[in-house]
Amino acid sequence: MSEQERLQILRANKGKPRLPYLTDRGRLNHGPTPPGGSKPSERESDLTPDEVQELIQLIAHGRLTRTPVVMPERLRARSWKSVEDVMLNLEYALGWKGAGWKVGAASMAVRKAENIPSPSPGRLFERSIFQSPAIVPSEFFVNYRLCECEFAFRLSKDFPLRDTPYTEEEVRKGIDSLIPVIEIGDSVFEDWYSLSGYFGGMYDNAGGAAFVMGTPTKDWESIDLPKANIDVYVNDSYIKSGQGIEAMGHPVTSLTWMINYAVAHGRAVGSGELVSTGTCTAHTFVAVGDVVSIDFGPLGLVEAKFV
């Protein structure tokens, strides 16, 4: 079946009732805590260097063995510095080759729901990047398959370390192409919405686990990205819609934030790297056997089947 035929089927379903087991968050398999229902942990002090390494090893072991992990209460620090210390060094313990960056919680609505103070950086890894239509196996997940619909960019120039931030104008000149994507979240820690009480999802690579790419376009500047619409379907049933404005008002603004964050933390961003700019549709939880279809309008269809 062609992409256009698939889109016709999906669009014909948009006005129909959802399948009975689906909500505006997809499946309700995120755990017992509702969005915004986390209880803040008592610890606010930074993790010590030894504790940072302990938590990195704990997360890496859970991720590499696909084993759920319980974070000890003594490590549940609501410290954004500690989140950065863990996240920026986790990839070395995992031993996975990076392919770029992702922005977690670019949307203010997501930050409010998860009680986190800032957008969060995360890494994209070569091993878990797929091309749509994708078959995404279970080996990339521990507890969840959390689909977020985003605009990503592939870069055409290097952004080396420097003392002053890059401007949006400079960043625009370094964009090769725009790509519609599904960024798929997971965590080694259970009960997703409880994690924000101790920044658990942010410690674990801001939730980033896999990535499905649609068709790139180089003519991206002709698109009004803040108003660009995205429709989410699960098993051909319409879930919800979003727009590019959710990514910090404009996906290029989010891209610029991510590049400047990386550079400020000693990580140059290179030509050819991918940067995904944050969810425009909040969270859609799915399960093995589900097909997620994202209608990006003129940018086409992105689909992932979970097996």
Protein backbone atom coordinates (compact mmCIF):
# COMPACT_ATOMS: atom_id res chain seq x y z
CA MET A 1 0.00 0.00 0.00
CA SER A 2 1.35 3.44 -0.90
CA GLU A 3 1.89 6.23 1.60
CA GLN A 4 -0.95 8.23 0.08
CA GLU A 5 -3.33 5.28 0.40
CA ARG A 6 -2.37 4.88 4.06
CA LEU A 7 -2.96 8.59 4.67
CA GLN A 8 -6.38 8.41 3.06
CA ILE A 9 -7.38 5.58 5.41
CA LEU A 10 -6.08 7.42 8.47
CA ARG A 11 -7.69 10.73 7.60
CA ALA A 12 -11.03 9.02 7.01
CA ASN A 13 -10.85 7.79 10.62
CA LYS A 14 -10.10 11.16 12.19
CA GLY A 15 -13.69 11.98 13.04
CA LYS A 16 -14.53 8.52 14.38
CA PRO A 17 -14.55 7.51 18.07
CA ARG A 18 -11.32 6.11 19.44
CA LEU A 19 -10.90 2.42 19.95
CA PRO A 20 -12.19 1.63 23.46
CA TYR A 21 -8.79 0.77 24.94
CA LEU A 22 -7.20 4.07 23.83
CA THR A 23 -7.21 7.56 25.38
CA ASP A 24 -5.62 10.88 24.45
CA ARG A 25 -2.43 9.39 25.93
CA GLY A 26 -2.71 6.16 23.99
CA ARG A 27 -2.77 3.14 26.26
CA LEU A 28 -2.96 3.69 29.99
CA ASN A 29 0.07 1.51 30.68
CA HIS A 30 2.26 4.23 32.19
CA GLY A 31 1.78 3.00 35.77
CA PRO A 32 -0.52 4.02 38.64
CA THR A 33 0.65 7.62 39.06
CA PRO A 34 -1.37 10.09 36.94
CA PRO A 35 0.25 13.00 35.05
CA GLY A 36 1.25 15.63 37.58
CA GLY A 37 0.71 13.22 40.45
CA SER A 38 4.31 12.62 41.50
CA LYS A 39 5.48 13.24 45.04
CA PRO A 40 8.71 15.27 45.25
CA SER A 41 11.57 13.42 46.89
CA GLU A 42 13.02 14.94 50.03
CA ARG A 43 16.59 15.19 48.82
CA GLU A 44 17.54 18.40 46.99
CA SER A 45 21.31 18.30 47.48
CA ASP A 46 23.57 17.35 44.59
CA LEU A 47 24.78 13.80 44.16
CA THR A 48 28.41 13.31 45.13
CA PRO A 49 30.85 12.23 42.38
CA ASP A 50 30.72 8.67 43.72
CA GLU A 51 26.91 8.73 43.73
CA VAL A 52 26.87 10.04 40.15
CA GLN A 53 28.97 7.08 39.06
CA GLU A 54 26.81 4.68 41.07
CA LEU A 55 23.66 5.95 39.39
CA ILE A 56 25.24 5.85 35.92
CA GLN A 57 26.19 2.20 36.45
CA LEU A 58 22.72 1.40 37.81
CA ILE A 59 20.97 2.88 34.77
CA ALA A 60 23.45 1.41 32.29
CA HIS A 61 23.06 -2.07 33.75
CA GLY A 62 19.28 -1.82 33.56
CA ARG A 63 19.41 -0.57 29.99
CA LEU A 64 21.98 -3.11 28.76
CA THR A 65 20.25 -6.08 30.41
CA ARG A 66 16.70 -4.79 29.82
CA THR A 67 16.01 -5.08 33.53
CA PRO A 68 13.75 -2.68 35.47
CA VAL A 69 15.61 -0.79 38.16
CA VAL A 70 14.53 0.74 41.46
CA MET A 71 16.49 3.88 42.31
CA PRO A 72 17.48 3.84 45.99
CA GLU A 73 15.80 6.56 48.02
CA ARG A 74 19.18 7.99 49.01
CA LEU A 75 19.99 8.70 45.33
CA ARG A 76 16.68 10.40 44.51
CA ALA A 77 18.11 13.89 44.31
CA ARG A 78 15.98 16.66 42.85
CA SER A 79 19.15 18.29 41.58
CA TRP A 80 19.31 19.49 37.99
CA LYS A 81 23.13 19.61 38.17
CA SER A 82 23.11 15.93 39.09
CA VAL A 83 20.76 15.15 36.20
CA GLU A 84 23.26 16.77 33.85
CA ASP A 85 26.22 14.99 35.44
CA VAL A 86 24.55 11.62 34.95
CA MET A 87 22.96 12.17 31.54
CA LEU A 88 26.06 13.64 29.88
CA ASN A 89 28.19 10.69 30.96
CA LEU A 90 25.71 7.81 30.66
CA GLU A 91 26.56 7.09 27.02
CA TYR A 92 30.14 6.17 27.96
CA ALA A 93 28.91 3.47 30.32
CA LEU A 94 26.50 2.22 27.66
CA GLY A 95 29.21 2.14 25.00
CA TRP A 96 26.81 3.23 22.25
CA LYS A 97 27.83 5.52 19.41
CA GLY A 98 26.04 8.84 19.38
CA ALA A 99 24.22 10.19 16.33
CA GLY A 100 23.03 13.51 17.72
CA TRP A 101 20.82 15.04 20.38
CA LYS A 102 17.21 15.24 21.46
CA VAL A 103 15.39 17.88 23.47
CA GLY A 104 13.23 16.50 26.23
CA ALA A 105 10.34 18.54 27.64
CA ALA A 106 10.60 21.35 25.08
CA SER A 107 6.88 21.87 25.64
CA MET A 108 5.85 23.89 28.68
CA ALA A 109 2.84 21.58 29.08
CA VAL A 110 5.15 18.57 29.42
CA ARG A 111 7.39 20.39 31.92
CA LYS A 112 4.37 21.24 34.05
CA ALA A 113 3.02 17.68 33.87
CA GLU A 114 6.37 16.21 34.91
CA ASN A 115 7.32 18.94 37.42
CA ILE A 116 10.71 19.61 35.85
CA PRO A 117 12.37 23.03 35.74
CA SER A 118 13.92 23.05 32.30
CA PRO A 119 14.07 21.39 28.91
CA SER A 120 16.40 18.43 29.11
CA PRO A 121 19.08 17.24 26.70
CA GLY A 122 19.36 13.63 25.65
CA ARG A 123 21.41 11.62 23.20
CA LEU A 124 20.36 9.86 20.00
CA PHE A 125 22.23 6.64 19.27
CA GLU A 126 23.04 5.09 15.91
CA ARG A 127 21.89 1.65 17.05
CA SER A 128 18.29 2.70 17.61
CA ILE A 129 17.53 4.91 14.59
CA PHE A 130 15.00 3.53 12.11
CA GLN A 131 13.57 4.63 8.79
CA SER A 132 9.80 4.78 8.37
CA PRO A 133 7.87 2.55 7.92
CA ALA A 134 9.75 0.88 10.76
CA ILE A 135 9.56 -2.40 12.62
CA VAL A 136 10.83 -1.55 16.11
CA PRO A 137 11.81 -4.60 18.20
CA SER A 138 11.51 -4.96 21.95
CA GLU A 139 15.27 -5.08 22.50
CA PHE A 140 15.34 -1.27 22.70
CA PHE A 141 12.92 -0.97 25.62
CA VAL A 142 12.65 -1.94 29.28
CA ASN A 143 9.30 -0.64 30.56
CA TYR A 144 7.61 1.67 28.04
CA ARG A 145 7.11 2.68 24.44
CA LEU A 146 6.27 6.36 24.70
CA CYS A 147 5.78 8.01 21.31
CA GLU A 148 6.47 11.70 20.84
CA CYS A 149 5.98 13.41 17.46
CA GLU A 150 8.68 15.90 16.61
CA PHE A 151 10.55 17.93 14.03
CA ALA A 152 14.22 17.01 13.72
CA PHE A 153 17.03 18.61 11.77
CA ARG A 154 20.15 17.18 10.16
CA LEU A 155 23.05 19.61 10.33
CA SER A 156 25.27 20.62 7.40
CA LYS A 157 28.00 22.40 9.35
CA ASP A 158 30.00 22.06 12.52
CA PHE A 159 29.22 24.01 15.67
CA PRO A 160 32.54 23.96 17.53
CA LEU A 161 33.13 25.03 21.11
CA ARG A 162 33.19 28.78 21.68
CA ASP A 163 32.51 31.26 24.46
CA THR A 164 29.46 33.01 22.96
CA PRO A 165 26.14 31.30 22.17
CA TYR A 166 25.16 30.63 18.58
CA THR A 167 22.32 32.75 17.25
CA GLU A 168 19.26 31.35 15.51
CA GLU A 169 20.47 32.97 12.29
CA GLU A 170 23.77 31.07 12.53
CA VAL A 171 21.97 27.85 13.30
CA ARG A 172 19.58 28.25 10.36
CA LYS A 173 22.57 28.49 8.03
CA GLY A 174 23.82 25.17 9.38
CA ILE A 175 20.66 23.14 8.67
CA ASP A 176 20.81 20.55 5.92
CA SER A 177 17.24 19.24 6.13
CA LEU A 178 14.09 18.95 8.22
CA ILE A 179 12.83 15.48 9.13
CA PRO A 180 9.47 14.46 10.62
CA VAL A 181 10.13 11.90 13.35
CA ILE A 182 8.77 9.75 16.16
CA GLU A 183 10.99 9.92 19.23
CA ILE A 184 10.29 6.91 21.44
CA GLY A 185 10.80 7.17 25.16
CA ASP A 186 11.43 4.61 27.87
CA SER A 187 12.93 4.39 31.34
CA VAL A 188 14.58 1.68 33.36
CA PHE A 189 12.50 3.01 36.28
CA GLU A 190 8.85 1.96 36.63
CA ASP A 191 5.70 4.10 37.07
CA TRP A 192 6.45 6.82 34.52
CA TYR A 193 4.71 9.82 36.09
CA SER A 194 6.14 9.11 39.54
CA LEU A 195 9.63 9.59 38.11
CA SER A 196 9.38 13.36 37.98
CA GLY A 197 9.33 13.35 41.78
CA TYR A 198 13.04 12.57 41.62
CA PHE A 199 13.81 13.42 37.94
CA GLY A 200 14.13 9.70 37.22
CA GLY A 201 13.23 9.90 33.55
CA MET A 202 15.62 12.80 33.01
CA TYR A 203 18.53 10.92 34.60
CA ASP A 204 17.90 8.08 32.13
CA ASN A 205 18.81 10.01 28.95
CA ALA A 206 15.67 12.17 29.23
CA GLY A 207 13.75 9.04 28.30
CA GLY A 208 15.27 8.69 24.82
CA ALA A 209 15.33 5.08 23.62
CA ALA A 210 14.59 4.89 19.87
CA PHE A 211 13.95 7.12 16.89
CA VAL A 212 11.96 6.70 13.66
CA MET A 213 12.65 9.06 10.76
CA GLY A 214 10.39 10.09 7.93
CA THR A 215 11.38 11.67 4.61
CA PRO A 216 13.79 14.63 4.86
CA THR A 217 13.07 17.89 3.08
CA LYS A 218 15.56 20.61 2.23
CA ASP A 219 12.81 23.13 1.47
CA TRP A 220 11.96 23.52 5.14
CA GLU A 221 12.10 27.32 5.29
CA SER A 222 8.96 27.55 3.16
CA ILE A 223 7.02 25.77 5.95
CA ASP A 224 5.36 27.70 8.77
CA LEU A 225 6.70 25.32 11.39
CA PRO A 226 4.93 26.81 14.45
CA LYS A 227 1.61 26.19 12.71
CA ALA A 228 2.59 22.87 11.11
CA ASN A 229 0.01 20.30 12.19
CA ILE A 230 0.67 16.74 13.37
CA ASP A 231 -2.03 14.06 13.77
CA VAL A 232 -1.40 10.95 15.87
CA TYR A 233 -3.03 7.57 15.23
CA VAL A 234 -2.65 4.25 17.05
CA ASN A 235 -3.88 1.16 15.22
CA ASP A 236 -5.53 3.52 12.71
CA SER A 237 -7.53 5.19 15.51
CA TYR A 238 -7.13 8.97 15.85
CA ILE A 239 -5.60 10.03 19.18
CA LYS A 240 -4.83 13.76 19.06
CA SER A 241 -3.07 16.59 17.22
CA GLY A 242 -0.27 19.04 17.89
CA GLN A 243 1.66 21.85 16.27
CA GLY A 244 5.28 22.89 15.95
CA ILE A 245 4.76 25.83 18.30
CA GLU A 246 5.01 23.38 21.21
CA ALA A 247 8.77 23.09 20.58
CA MET A 248 9.76 26.30 22.40
CA GLY A 249 7.59 28.37 20.07
CA HIS A 250 9.55 27.29 16.99
CA PRO A 251 11.57 24.10 16.34
CA VAL A 252 14.58 26.18 15.26
CA THR A 253 14.51 27.92 18.65
CA SER A 254 14.64 24.50 20.29
CA LEU A 255 17.44 23.41 17.95
CA THR A 256 19.44 26.52 18.85
CA TRP A 257 18.90 25.85 22.56
CA MET A 258 20.19 22.29 22.16
CA ILE A 259 23.30 23.28 20.23
CA ASN A 260 24.15 25.99 22.75
CA TYR A 261 23.53 23.64 25.66
CA ALA A 262 25.88 21.03 24.21
CA VAL A 263 28.58 23.58 23.43
CA ALA A 264 28.29 25.18 26.89
CA HIS A 265 28.88 21.72 28.38
CA GLY A 266 31.97 21.01 26.31
CA ARG A 267 30.34 18.99 23.55
CA ALA A 268 30.83 20.30 20.01
CA VAL A 269 27.99 19.48 17.60
CA GLY A 270 29.06 18.25 14.19
CA SER A 271 27.92 18.29 10.59
CA GLY A 272 25.71 15.29 9.85
CA GLU A 273 24.38 15.03 13.38
CA LEU A 274 20.65 14.88 14.06
CA VAL A 275 18.84 17.06 16.57
CA SER A 276 15.22 16.35 17.49
CA THR A 277 13.52 19.40 18.91
CA GLY A 278 10.92 18.06 21.33
CA THR A 279 7.42 16.66 21.33
CA CYS A 280 4.61 18.66 19.75
CA THR A 281 1.94 16.15 20.78
CA ALA A 282 2.80 15.31 24.42
CA HIS A 283 2.79 11.59 25.30
CA THR A 284 1.27 8.59 23.53
CA PHE A 285 1.92 5.27 25.26
CA VAL A 286 1.70 2.09 23.19
CA ALA A 287 2.46 -1.62 23.54
CA VAL A 288 3.90 -4.54 21.59
CA GLY A 289 1.73 -5.18 18.56
CA ASP A 290 0.63 -1.57 18.11
CA VAL A 291 1.15 0.48 14.98
CA VAL A 292 1.74 4.21 15.45
CA SER A 293 1.03 6.40 12.43
CA ILE A 294 1.83 10.11 12.36
CA ASP A 295 0.36 12.35 9.69
CA PHE A 296 2.72 15.30 9.21
CA GLY A 297 0.60 16.77 6.41
CA PRO A 298 2.78 17.88 3.48
CA LEU A 299 5.83 16.36 5.19
CA GLY A 300 4.29 12.91 4.85
CA LEU A 301 3.65 9.86 7.00
CA VAL A 302 5.86 8.35 9.70
CA GLU A 303 4.94 4.87 10.95
CA ALA A 304 6.30 2.43 13.50
CA LYS A 305 5.13 -1.07 14.37
CA PHE A 306 6.24 -2.40 17.75
CA VAL A 307 7.12 -6.09 17.90
